[in-house]
Protein backbone atom coordinates (compact mmCIF):
# COMPACT_ATOMS: atom_id res chain seq x y z
CA MET A 1 -42.25 4.79 -8.08
CA ILE A 2 -43.27 5.06 -11.74
CA ASN A 3 -43.85 8.82 -11.56
CA SER A 4 -40.64 9.33 -9.70
CA HIS A 5 -38.54 7.28 -12.16
CA PRO A 6 -40.13 7.65 -15.67
CA GLN A 7 -36.73 7.49 -17.35
CA ASN A 8 -36.38 3.87 -16.23
CA PHE A 9 -39.22 2.91 -18.67
CA GLU A 10 -37.78 4.62 -21.80
CA ASP A 11 -35.71 3.12 -24.50
CA GLY A 12 -32.03 3.49 -23.91
CA ALA A 13 -32.51 3.84 -20.15
CA LYS A 14 -29.34 3.30 -18.07
CA GLU A 15 -31.27 0.95 -15.74
CA ARG A 16 -34.38 -0.31 -17.59
CA TRP A 17 -37.21 -1.36 -15.17
CA GLY A 18 -39.79 -2.19 -17.83
CA PHE A 19 -42.40 -0.58 -20.16
CA LEU A 20 -45.31 1.92 -20.15
CA ASN A 21 -47.99 1.05 -22.55
CA ASP A 22 -51.60 2.48 -22.88
CA GLY A 23 -52.80 2.36 -19.23
CA PHE A 24 -50.46 -0.38 -18.17
CA VAL A 25 -46.91 -0.73 -16.71
CA GLU A 26 -44.89 -3.89 -17.33
CA PHE A 27 -42.12 -4.40 -14.91
CA PHE A 28 -39.32 -6.95 -15.23
CA PRO A 29 -40.14 -9.34 -12.41
CA SER A 30 -36.67 -9.17 -10.74
CA VAL A 31 -36.74 -5.40 -10.71
CA LEU A 32 -40.31 -5.15 -9.25
CA GLU A 33 -39.56 -7.84 -6.58
CA LYS A 34 -36.38 -5.95 -5.53
CA LEU A 35 -38.28 -2.60 -5.33
CA LEU A 36 -40.96 -4.19 -3.26
CA ARG A 37 -38.49 -5.83 -0.88
CA GLU A 38 -36.61 -2.52 -0.43
CA ILE A 39 -39.75 -1.04 1.07
CA ASN A 40 -40.38 -4.22 3.12
CA PHE A 41 -43.19 -5.71 1.22
CA ASN A 42 -43.62 -9.40 0.49
CA PRO A 43 -43.97 -9.58 -3.39
CA LYS A 44 -46.19 -12.74 -3.25
CA LYS A 45 -48.66 -11.02 -0.81
CA VAL A 46 -48.65 -7.83 -2.90
CA TYR A 47 -49.31 -9.74 -6.18
CA SER A 48 -52.15 -11.63 -4.48
CA SER A 49 -53.65 -8.36 -3.33
CA TRP A 50 -53.36 -6.89 -6.75
CA GLU A 51 -55.03 -9.97 -8.21
CA GLU A 52 -58.07 -9.54 -5.81
CA LYS A 53 -58.35 -6.00 -7.11
CA GLY A 54 -58.01 -7.02 -10.86
CA LEU A 55 -54.79 -4.93 -11.23
CA ILE A 56 -52.32 -7.68 -12.30
CA LYS A 57 -52.32 -10.05 -15.31
CA VAL A 58 -52.33 -13.69 -14.15
CA THR A 59 -51.22 -16.44 -16.43
CA TYR A 60 -51.31 -20.18 -16.10
CA GLU A 61 -48.69 -22.56 -17.50
CA LYS A 62 -49.16 -26.30 -16.95
CA ASP A 63 -51.70 -25.47 -14.17
CA PHE A 64 -49.19 -23.24 -12.38
CA LYS A 65 -50.26 -19.69 -11.65
CA ARG A 66 -47.85 -16.97 -12.65
CA TYR A 67 -48.09 -13.36 -11.89
CA SER A 68 -46.05 -12.57 -15.08
CA CYS A 69 -46.61 -12.96 -18.76
CA LEU A 70 -44.36 -13.19 -21.92
CA LYS A 71 -43.71 -10.12 -23.90
CA TRP A 72 -41.74 -10.27 -27.21
CA LEU A 73 -38.85 -7.79 -27.32
CA ASN A 74 -36.66 -7.64 -30.41
CA GLY A 75 -37.83 -11.16 -31.37
CA LYS A 76 -37.11 -12.68 -27.97
CA PRO A 77 -39.50 -13.55 -25.17
CA VAL A 78 -39.04 -11.65 -21.80
CA ARG A 79 -41.14 -12.02 -18.74
CA VAL A 80 -42.94 -8.97 -17.40
CA VAL A 81 -45.39 -8.29 -14.58
CA ARG A 82 -48.21 -6.47 -16.08
CA LEU A 83 -50.16 -3.92 -13.97
CA LYS A 84 -53.09 -1.71 -14.77
CA LEU A 85 -52.36 1.89 -13.98
CA LEU A 86 -55.16 3.50 -11.99
CA GLN A 87 -56.72 6.83 -12.98
CA GLU A 88 -56.89 9.37 -10.15
CA THR A 89 -60.60 8.66 -9.64
CA GLU A 90 -60.03 4.92 -9.37
CA ILE A 91 -57.32 5.21 -6.62
CA LYS A 92 -59.75 6.15 -3.94
CA THR A 93 -62.12 3.28 -4.46
CA THR A 94 -59.35 0.63 -4.88
CA ILE A 95 -57.19 1.49 -1.69
């Protein structure tokens, strides 16, 4: 999805999905959940699987687990789902 739509992660994108940063992709939660549902995946199950593999940043707020974290954008906090991008050699061992 990221390779097919890199323009959606750039400044000034018509439809911004998130950010690409140093080996990580940060999706806006609503966008990622919509994309997952469109291909018939349950976001909570996918997030749990990614957590088991160490691919998603998990945060805790008042003892509540979240699969998102805060990112500051133009001085305002926004929620993002932060995922580790796998290198080609890591993909075979993770799947």
